Amino acid sequence: MAHKKAGWSAKNLRDSKPKYRWVKVFGGQKATAGNIIIRQKWSKYECGKNAYLGSDFSVHAKIDGTVVFSKKKVARFDGRKYLKTVVDIAS
């Protein structure tokens, strides 16, 4: 006997839209005020001089200038130290 699948029974055919995260403006490139430098989930990259964190954890430029990436040692609550990447805007 022929069988046809009922409507809406295939649940695995939908897919979410891509988020297009990570670095948008690289080190040494120019950024204008308000530009998104990095789109990220949580705070992997830290904001330095003339940069700020948006509500969705994206890093934005406060002023016009050149993007600079640097490393910074950060101590955790248990005493372990690790490197954190800091985003600065040099005018």
PDB file of N, CA and C in Angstrom:
ATOM      1  N   MET A   1       0.851  -1.172   0.000  1.00  0.00           N
ATOM      2  CA  MET A   1       0.000   0.000   0.000  1.00  0.00           C
ATOM      3  C   MET A   1       0.900   1.239   0.000  1.00  0.00           C
ATOM      4  N   ALA A   2       0.562   2.186  -0.846  1.00  0.00           N
ATOM      5  CA  ALA A   2       1.340   3.425  -0.929  1.00  0.00           C
ATOM      6  C   ALA A   2       1.138   4.246   0.343  1.00  0.00           C
ATOM      7  N   HIS A   3       2.211   4.960   0.710  1.00  0.00           N
ATOM      8  CA  HIS A   3       2.126   5.746   1.946  1.00  0.00           C
ATOM      9  C   HIS A   3       2.711   7.133   1.690  1.00  0.00           C
ATOM     10  N   LYS A   4       2.004   8.155   2.101  1.00  0.00           N
ATOM     11  CA  LYS A   4       2.488   9.527   1.973  1.00  0.00           C
ATOM     12  C   LYS A   4       2.678  10.101   3.373  1.00  0.00           C
ATOM     13  N   LYS A   5       3.814  10.751   3.567  1.00  0.00           N
ATOM     14  CA  LYS A   5       4.107  11.334   4.875  1.00  0.00           C
ATOM     15  C   LYS A   5       3.161  12.497   5.143  1.00  0.00           C
ATOM     16  N   ALA A   6       2.703  12.610   6.363  1.00  0.00           N
ATOM     17  CA  ALA A   6       1.788  13.686   6.727  1.00  0.00           C
ATOM     18  C   ALA A   6       2.522  15.021   6.731  1.00  0.00           C
ATOM     19  N   GLY A   7       1.820  16.089   6.499  1.00  0.00           N
ATOM     20  CA  GLY A   7       2.408  17.418   6.494  1.00  0.00           C
ATOM     21  C   GLY A   7       2.979  17.775   7.849  1.00  0.00           C
ATOM     22  N   TRP A   8       4.114  18.503   7.868  1.00  0.00           N
ATOM     23  CA  TRP A   8       4.813  18.967   9.065  1.00  0.00           C
ATOM     24  C   TRP A   8       5.419  17.821   9.880  1.00  0.00           C
ATOM     25  N   SER A   9       5.568  16.656   9.306  1.00  0.00           N
ATOM     26  CA  SER A   9       6.137  15.565  10.100  1.00  0.00           C
ATOM     27  C   SER A   9       7.659  15.522   9.997  1.00  0.00           C
ATOM     28  N   ALA A  10       8.220  16.149   8.971  1.00  0.00           N
ATOM     29  CA  ALA A  10       9.677  16.169   8.844  1.00  0.00           C
ATOM     30  C   ALA A  10      10.213  17.350   9.649  1.00  0.00           C
ATOM     31  N   LYS A  11      10.814  17.070  10.784  1.00  0.00           N
ATOM     32  CA  LYS A  11      11.235  18.136  11.693  1.00  0.00           C
ATOM     33  C   LYS A  11      12.663  18.601  11.455  1.00  0.00           C
ATOM     34  N   ASN A  12      13.440  17.851  10.719  1.00  0.00           N
ATOM     35  CA  ASN A  12      14.853  18.184  10.580  1.00  0.00           C
ATOM     36  C   ASN A  12      15.181  18.935   9.290  1.00  0.00           C
ATOM     37  N   LEU A  13      14.206  19.525   8.662  1.00  0.00           N
ATOM     38  CA  LEU A  13      14.438  20.209   7.387  1.00  0.00           C
ATOM     39  C   LEU A  13      14.672  21.708   7.543  1.00  0.00           C
ATOM     40  N   ARG A  14      14.506  22.239   8.759  1.00  0.00           N
ATOM     41  CA  ARG A  14      14.708  23.660   8.986  1.00  0.00           C
ATOM     42  C   ARG A  14      16.133  23.911   9.477  1.00  0.00           C
ATOM     43  N   ASP A  15      16.636  25.084   9.193  1.00  0.00           N
ATOM     44  CA  ASP A  15      17.996  25.419   9.603  1.00  0.00           C
ATOM     45  C   ASP A  15      18.028  26.872  10.044  1.00  0.00           C
ATOM     46  N   SER A  16      18.875  27.183  11.033  1.00  0.00           N
ATOM     47  CA  SER A  16      18.982  28.556  11.517  1.00  0.00           C
ATOM     48  C   SER A  16      19.886  29.368  10.597  1.00  0.00           C
ATOM     49  N   LYS A  17      19.708  30.672  10.638  1.00  0.00           N
ATOM     50  CA  LYS A  17      20.520  31.560   9.810  1.00  0.00           C
ATOM     51  C   LYS A  17      21.925  31.652  10.391  1.00  0.00           C
ATOM     52  N   PRO A  18      22.948  31.838   9.548  1.00  0.00           N
ATOM     53  CA  PRO A  18      24.316  31.972  10.071  1.00  0.00           C
ATOM     54  C   PRO A  18      24.493  33.299  10.801  1.00  0.00           C
ATOM     55  N   LYS A  19      25.396  33.329  11.778  1.00  0.00           N
ATOM     56  CA  LYS A  19      25.586  34.515  12.616  1.00  0.00           C
ATOM     57  C   LYS A  19      26.672  35.450  12.095  1.00  0.00           C
ATOM     58  N   TYR A  20      27.545  34.981  11.232  1.00  0.00           N
ATOM     59  CA  TYR A  20      28.619  35.797  10.641  1.00  0.00           C
ATOM     60  C   TYR A  20      29.449  36.489  11.714  1.00  0.00           C
ATOM     61  N   ARG A  21      29.976  35.691  12.646  1.00  0.00           N
ATOM     62  CA  ARG A  21      30.760  36.244  13.745  1.00  0.00           C
ATOM     63  C   ARG A  21      32.226  36.377  13.380  1.00  0.00           C
ATOM     64  N   TRP A  22      33.019  36.880  14.341  1.00  0.00           N
ATOM     65  CA  TRP A  22      34.470  37.053  14.357  1.00  0.00           C
ATOM     66  C   TRP A  22      34.928  38.374  13.798  1.00  0.00           C
ATOM     67  N   VAL A  23      36.187  38.495  13.447  1.00  0.00           N
ATOM     68  CA  VAL A  23      36.833  39.781  13.174  1.00  0.00           C
ATOM     69  C   VAL A  23      36.342  40.371  11.860  1.00  0.00           C
ATOM     70  N   LYS A  24      35.925  41.633  11.916  1.00  0.00           N
ATOM     71  CA  LYS A  24      35.463  42.356  10.722  1.00  0.00           C
ATOM     72  C   LYS A  24      36.512  43.355  10.248  1.00  0.00           C
ATOM     73  N   VAL A  25      37.224  44.000  11.184  1.00  0.00           N
ATOM     74  CA  VAL A  25      38.293  44.943  10.852  1.00  0.00           C
ATOM     75  C   VAL A  25      39.560  44.423  11.517  1.00  0.00           C
ATOM     76  N   PHE A  26      40.588  44.163  10.739  1.00  0.00           N
ATOM     77  CA  PHE A  26      41.813  43.551  11.249  1.00  0.00           C
ATOM     78  C   PHE A  26      42.802  44.609  11.727  1.00  0.00           C
ATOM     79  N   GLY A  27      43.847  44.163  12.431  1.00  0.00           N
ATOM     80  CA  GLY A  27      44.870  45.055  12.963  1.00  0.00           C
ATOM     81  C   GLY A  27      45.570  45.825  11.867  1.00  0.00           C
ATOM     82  N   GLY A  28      45.746  47.123  12.072  1.00  0.00           N
ATOM     83  CA  GLY A  28      46.381  47.975  11.077  1.00  0.00           C
ATOM     84  C   GLY A  28      45.406  48.623  10.115  1.00  0.00           C
ATOM     85  N   GLN A  29      44.161  48.184  10.092  1.00  0.00           N
ATOM     86  CA  GLN A  29      43.157  48.771   9.210  1.00  0.00           C
ATOM     87  C   GLN A  29      42.475  49.948   9.898  1.00  0.00           C
ATOM     88  N   LYS A  30      41.932  50.847   9.108  1.00  0.00           N
ATOM     89  CA  LYS A  30      41.236  52.034   9.619  1.00  0.00           C
ATOM     90  C   LYS A  30      39.811  51.666  10.024  1.00  0.00           C
ATOM     91  N   ALA A  31      39.353  52.280  11.106  1.00  0.00           N
ATOM     92  CA  ALA A  31      37.976  52.112  11.558  1.00  0.00           C
ATOM     93  C   ALA A  31      37.402  53.480  11.882  1.00  0.00           C
ATOM     94  N   THR A  32      36.172  53.711  11.482  1.00  0.00           N
ATOM     95  CA  THR A  32      35.504  54.967  11.821  1.00  0.00           C
ATOM     96  C   THR A  32      34.680  54.756  13.085  1.00  0.00           C
ATOM     97  N   ALA A  33      34.295  55.831  13.725  1.00  0.00           N
ATOM     98  CA  ALA A  33      33.539  55.759  14.976  1.00  0.00           C
ATOM     99  C   ALA A  33      32.233  54.998  14.763  1.00  0.00           C
ATOM    100  N   GLY A  34      31.972  54.031  15.625  1.00  0.00           N
ATOM    101  CA  GLY A  34      30.755  53.240  15.543  1.00  0.00           C
ATOM    102  C   GLY A  34      30.901  51.963  14.738  1.00  0.00           C
ATOM    103  N   ASN A  35      32.016  51.785  14.033  1.00  0.00           N
ATOM    104  CA  ASN A  35      32.222  50.563  13.254  1.00  0.00           C
ATOM    105  C   ASN A  35      32.303  49.346  14.164  1.00  0.00           C
ATOM    106  N   ILE A  36      31.772  48.224  13.682  1.00  0.00           N
ATOM    107  CA  ILE A  36      31.924  46.959  14.389  1.00  0.00           C
ATOM    108  C   ILE A  36      33.297  46.395  14.030  1.00  0.00           C
ATOM    109  N   ILE A  37      34.101  46.120  15.048  1.00  0.00           N
ATOM    110  CA  ILE A  37      35.426  45.552  14.819  1.00  0.00           C
ATOM    111  C   ILE A  37      35.361  44.034  14.908  1.00  0.00           C
ATOM    112  N   ILE A  38      34.677  43.528  15.942  1.00  0.00           N
ATOM    113  CA  ILE A  38      34.538  42.086  16.145  1.00  0.00           C
ATOM    114  C   ILE A  38      33.106  41.775  16.552  1.00  0.00           C
ATOM    115  N   ARG A  39      32.529  40.750  15.934  1.00  0.00           N
ATOM    116  CA  ARG A  39      31.257  40.208  16.395  1.00  0.00           C
ATOM    117  C   ARG A  39      31.581  38.884  17.059  1.00  0.00           C
ATOM    118  N   GLN A  40      31.182  38.727  18.320  1.00  0.00           N
ATOM    119  CA  GLN A  40      31.576  37.548  19.084  1.00  0.00           C
ATOM    120  C   GLN A  40      30.445  37.088  19.989  1.00  0.00           C
ATOM    121  N   LYS A  41      30.597  35.869  20.487  1.00  0.00           N
ATOM    122  CA  LYS A  41      29.688  35.353  21.495  1.00  0.00           C
ATOM    123  C   LYS A  41      30.445  35.363  22.806  1.00  0.00           C
ATOM    124  N   TRP A  42      29.884  35.961  23.848  1.00  0.00           N
ATOM    125  CA  TRP A  42      30.518  36.224  25.132  1.00  0.00           C
ATOM    126  C   TRP A  42      31.678  37.185  24.939  1.00  0.00           C
ATOM    127  N   SER A  43      32.646  37.207  25.811  1.00  0.00           N
ATOM    128  CA  SER A  43      33.675  38.240  25.718  1.00  0.00           C
ATOM    129  C   SER A  43      35.063  37.619  25.563  1.00  0.00           C
ATOM    130  N   LYS A  44      35.318  37.029  24.427  1.00  0.00           N
ATOM    131  CA  LYS A  44      36.627  36.448  24.149  1.00  0.00           C
ATOM    132  C   LYS A  44      37.659  37.559  23.968  1.00  0.00           C
ATOM    133  N   TYR A  45      37.281  38.613  23.256  1.00  0.00           N
ATOM    134  CA  TYR A  45      38.146  39.776  23.064  1.00  0.00           C
ATOM    135  C   TYR A  45      37.714  40.864  24.034  1.00  0.00           C
ATOM    136  N   GLU A  46      38.691  41.559  24.601  1.00  0.00           N
ATOM    137  CA  GLU A  46      38.424  42.603  25.589  1.00  0.00           C
ATOM    138  C   GLU A  46      38.583  43.981  24.945  1.00  0.00           C
ATOM    139  N   CYS A  47      37.831  44.954  25.425  1.00  0.00           N
ATOM    140  CA  CYS A  47      37.919  46.309  24.897  1.00  0.00           C
ATOM    141  C   CYS A  47      39.033  47.069  25.596  1.00  0.00           C
ATOM    142  N   GLY A  48      39.818  47.795  24.823  1.00  0.00           N
ATOM    143  CA  GLY A  48      40.882  48.630  25.367  1.00  0.00           C
ATOM    144  C   GLY A  48      40.529  50.088  25.177  1.00  0.00           C
ATOM    145  N   LYS A  49      41.545  50.895  24.834  1.00  0.00           N
ATOM    146  CA  LYS A  49      41.340  52.324  24.635  1.00  0.00           C
ATOM    147  C   LYS A  49      40.466  52.570  23.415  1.00  0.00           C
ATOM    148  N   ASN A  50      39.516  53.467  23.566  1.00  0.00           N
ATOM    149  CA  ASN A  50      38.663  53.950  22.477  1.00  0.00           C
ATOM    150  C   ASN A  50      37.859  52.847  21.800  1.00  0.00           C
ATOM    151  N   ALA A  51      37.525  51.803  22.542  1.00  0.00           N
ATOM    152  CA  ALA A  51      36.651  50.743  22.037  1.00  0.00           C
ATOM    153  C   ALA A  51      35.623  50.438  23.122  1.00  0.00           C
ATOM    154  N   TYR A  52      34.446  49.982  22.720  1.00  0.00           N
ATOM    155  CA  TYR A  52      33.425  49.645  23.705  1.00  0.00           C
ATOM    156  C   TYR A  52      32.683  48.389  23.286  1.00  0.00           C
ATOM    157  N   LEU A  53      32.049  47.733  24.268  1.00  0.00           N
ATOM    158  CA  LEU A  53      31.343  46.486  24.063  1.00  0.00           C
ATOM    159  C   LEU A  53      29.864  46.771  23.857  1.00  0.00           C
ATOM    160  N   GLY A  54      29.291  46.225  22.791  1.00  0.00           N
ATOM    161  CA  GLY A  54      27.869  46.399  22.523  1.00  0.00           C
ATOM    162  C   GLY A  54      27.034  45.438  23.357  1.00  0.00           C
ATOM    163  N   SER A  55      25.726  45.526  23.249  1.00  0.00           N
ATOM    164  CA  SER A  55      24.837  44.684  24.049  1.00  0.00           C
ATOM    165  C   SER A  55      24.918  43.214  23.653  1.00  0.00           C
ATOM    166  N   ASP A  56      25.336  42.927  22.416  1.00  0.00           N
ATOM    167  CA  ASP A  56      25.488  41.540  21.961  1.00  0.00           C
ATOM    168  C   ASP A  56      26.955  41.109  21.987  1.00  0.00           C
ATOM    169  N   PHE A  57      27.780  41.771  22.808  1.00  0.00           N
ATOM    170  CA  PHE A  57      29.206  41.496  23.003  1.00  0.00           C
ATOM    171  C   PHE A  57      30.063  41.849  21.789  1.00  0.00           C
ATOM    172  N   SER A  58      29.534  42.597  20.833  1.00  0.00           N
ATOM    173  CA  SER A  58      30.353  43.023  19.702  1.00  0.00           C
ATOM    174  C   SER A  58      31.215  44.215  20.118  1.00  0.00           C
ATOM    175  N   VAL A  59      32.443  44.266  19.599  1.00  0.00           N
ATOM    176  CA  VAL A  59      33.382  45.338  19.933  1.00  0.00           C
ATOM    177  C   VAL A  59      33.255  46.433  18.885  1.00  0.00           C
ATOM    178  N   HIS A  60      33.015  47.677  19.327  1.00  0.00           N
ATOM    179  CA  HIS A  60      32.835  48.819  18.437  1.00  0.00           C
ATOM    180  C   HIS A  60      33.955  49.834  18.648  1.00  0.00           C
ATOM    181  N   ALA A  61      34.186  50.673  17.637  1.00  0.00           N
ATOM    182  CA  ALA A  61      35.167  51.752  17.740  1.00  0.00           C
ATOM    183  C   ALA A  61      34.478  53.014  18.273  1.00  0.00           C
ATOM    184  N   LYS A  62      35.109  53.687  19.239  1.00  0.00           N
ATOM    185  CA  LYS A  62      34.564  54.943  19.769  1.00  0.00           C
ATOM    186  C   LYS A  62      34.944  56.122  18.886  1.00  0.00           C
ATOM    187  N   ILE A  63      36.159  56.094  18.356  1.00  0.00           N
ATOM    188  CA  ILE A  63      36.672  57.203  17.548  1.00  0.00           C
ATOM    189  C   ILE A  63      37.224  56.666  16.234  1.00  0.00           C
ATOM    190  N   ASP A  64      37.523  57.581  15.313  1.00  0.00           N
ATOM    191  CA  ASP A  64      38.194  57.202  14.066  1.00  0.00           C
ATOM    192  C   ASP A  64      39.649  56.891  14.378  1.00  0.00           C
ATOM    193  N   GLY A  65      40.181  55.831  13.787  1.00  0.00           N
ATOM    194  CA  GLY A  65      41.585  55.497  14.020  1.00  0.00           C
ATOM    195  C   GLY A  65      41.951  54.139  13.469  1.00  0.00           C
ATOM    196  N   THR A  66      43.117  53.662  13.882  1.00  0.00           N
ATOM    197  CA  THR A  66      43.649  52.391  13.422  1.00  0.00           C
ATOM    198  C   THR A  66      43.445  51.330  14.502  1.00  0.00           C
ATOM    199  N   VAL A  67      43.046  50.135  14.093  1.00  0.00           N
ATOM    200  CA  VAL A  67      42.795  49.043  15.025  1.00  0.00           C
ATOM    201  C   VAL A  67      44.117  48.392  15.418  1.00  0.00           C
ATOM    202  N   VAL A  68      44.300  48.166  16.728  1.00  0.00           N
ATOM    203  CA  VAL A  68      45.511  47.539  17.260  1.00  0.00           C
ATOM    204  C   VAL A  68      45.088  46.390  18.177  1.00  0.00           C
ATOM    205  N   PHE A  69      45.640  45.196  17.938  1.00  0.00           N
ATOM    206  CA  PHE A  69      45.406  44.044  18.805  1.00  0.00           C
ATOM    207  C   PHE A  69      46.646  43.812  19.657  1.00  0.00           C
ATOM    208  N   SER A  70      46.447  43.511  20.932  1.00  0.00           N
ATOM    209  CA  SER A  70      47.564  43.199  21.826  1.00  0.00           C
ATOM    210  C   SER A  70      47.121  42.129  22.812  1.00  0.00           C
ATOM    211  N   LYS A  71      48.084  41.538  23.506  1.00  0.00           N
ATOM    212  CA  LYS A  71      47.799  40.495  24.495  1.00  0.00           C
ATOM    213  C   LYS A  71      47.987  41.048  25.904  1.00  0.00           C
ATOM    214  N   LYS A  72      47.207  40.517  26.840  1.00  0.00           N
ATOM    215  CA  LYS A  72      47.271  40.962  28.224  1.00  0.00           C
ATOM    216  C   LYS A  72      47.127  39.742  29.125  1.00  0.00           C
ATOM    217  N   LYS A  73      47.981  39.634  30.150  1.00  0.00           N
ATOM    218  CA  LYS A  73      47.882  38.525  31.093  1.00  0.00           C
ATOM    219  C   LYS A  73      46.799  38.829  32.117  1.00  0.00           C
ATOM    220  N   VAL A  74      45.897  37.871  32.318  1.00  0.00           N
ATOM    221  CA  VAL A  74      44.791  38.039  33.251  1.00  0.00           C
ATOM    222  C   VAL A  74      44.828  36.879  34.234  1.00  0.00           C
ATOM    223  N   ALA A  75      44.679  37.160  35.531  1.00  0.00           N
ATOM    224  CA  ALA A  75      44.644  36.128  36.558  1.00  0.00           C
ATOM    225  C   ALA A  75      43.196  35.740  36.841  1.00  0.00           C
ATOM    226  N   ARG A  76      42.946  34.445  36.902  1.00  0.00           N
ATOM    227  CA  ARG A  76      41.615  33.957  37.239  1.00  0.00           C
ATOM    228  C   ARG A  76      41.458  33.876  38.751  1.00  0.00           C
ATOM    229  N   PHE A  77      40.255  33.557  39.206  1.00  0.00           N
ATOM    230  CA  PHE A  77      39.975  33.488  40.635  1.00  0.00           C
ATOM    231  C   PHE A  77      40.777  32.389  41.333  1.00  0.00           C
ATOM    232  N   ASP A  78      41.176  31.336  40.601  1.00  0.00           N
ATOM    233  CA  ASP A  78      41.927  30.243  41.204  1.00  0.00           C
ATOM    234  C   ASP A  78      43.444  30.438  41.092  1.00  0.00           C
ATOM    235  N   GLY A  79      43.868  31.626  40.627  1.00  0.00           N
ATOM    236  CA  GLY A  79      45.288  31.937  40.552  1.00  0.00           C
ATOM    237  C   GLY A  79      45.937  31.630  39.218  1.00  0.00           C
ATOM    238  N   ARG A  80      45.250  30.890  38.338  1.00  0.00           N
ATOM    239  CA  ARG A  80      45.809  30.584  37.032  1.00  0.00           C
ATOM    240  C   ARG A  80      45.826  31.832  36.168  1.00  0.00           C
ATOM    241  N   LYS A  81      46.868  31.979  35.355  1.00  0.00           N
ATOM    242  CA  LYS A  81      46.977  33.136  34.467  1.00  0.00           C
ATOM    243  C   LYS A  81      46.814  32.687  33.029  1.00  0.00           C
ATOM    244  N   TYR A  82      46.172  33.529  32.221  1.00  0.00           N
ATOM    245  CA  TYR A  82      46.012  33.237  30.809  1.00  0.00           C
ATOM    246  C   TYR A  82      46.037  34.536  30.017  1.00  0.00           C
ATOM    247  N   LEU A  83      46.222  34.410  28.712  1.00  0.00           N
ATOM    248  CA  LEU A  83      46.299  35.584  27.848  1.00  0.00           C
ATOM    249  C   LEU A  83      44.923  35.961  27.337  1.00  0.00           C
ATOM    250  N   LYS A  84      44.671  37.251  27.303  1.00  0.00           N
ATOM    251  CA  LYS A  84      43.417  37.785  26.762  1.00  0.00           C
ATOM    252  C   LYS A  84      43.793  38.761  25.659  1.00  0.00           C
ATOM    253  N   THR A  85      43.075  38.759  24.555  1.00  0.00           N
ATOM    254  CA  THR A  85      43.341  39.679  23.465  1.00  0.00           C
ATOM    255  C   THR A  85      42.578  40.976  23.705  1.00  0.00           C
ATOM    256  N   VAL A  86      43.283  42.098  23.603  1.00  0.00           N
ATOM    257  CA  VAL A  86      42.707  43.416  23.855  1.00  0.00           C
ATOM    258  C   VAL A  86      42.659  44.184  22.532  1.00  0.00           C
ATOM    259  N   VAL A  87      41.532  44.847  22.276  1.00  0.00           N
ATOM    260  CA  VAL A  87      41.360  45.632  21.047  1.00  0.00           C
ATOM    261  C   VAL A  87      41.438  47.110  21.406  1.00  0.00           C
ATOM    262  N   ASP A  88      42.382  47.826  20.797  1.00  0.00           N
ATOM    263  CA  ASP A  88      42.549  49.265  20.993  1.00  0.00           C
ATOM    264  C   ASP A  88      42.346  49.985  19.666  1.00  0.00           C
ATOM    265  N   ILE A  89      41.996  51.275  19.760  1.00  0.00           N
ATOM    266  CA  ILE A  89      41.913  52.133  18.579  1.00  0.00           C
ATOM    267  C   ILE A  89      42.954  53.251  18.774  1.00  0.00           C
ATOM    268  N   ALA A  90      43.966  53.275  17.918  1.00  0.00           N
ATOM    269  CA  ALA A  90      44.984  54.329  17.974  1.00  0.00           C
ATOM    270  C   ALA A  90      44.569  55.437  17.029  1.00  0.00           C
ATOM    271  N   SER A  91      44.570  56.670  17.524  1.00  0.00           N
ATOM    272  CA  SER A  91      44.146  57.782  16.665  1.00  0.00           C
ATOM    273  C   SER A  91      45.275  58.331  15.850  1.00  0.00           C
TER     274      SER A  91
END
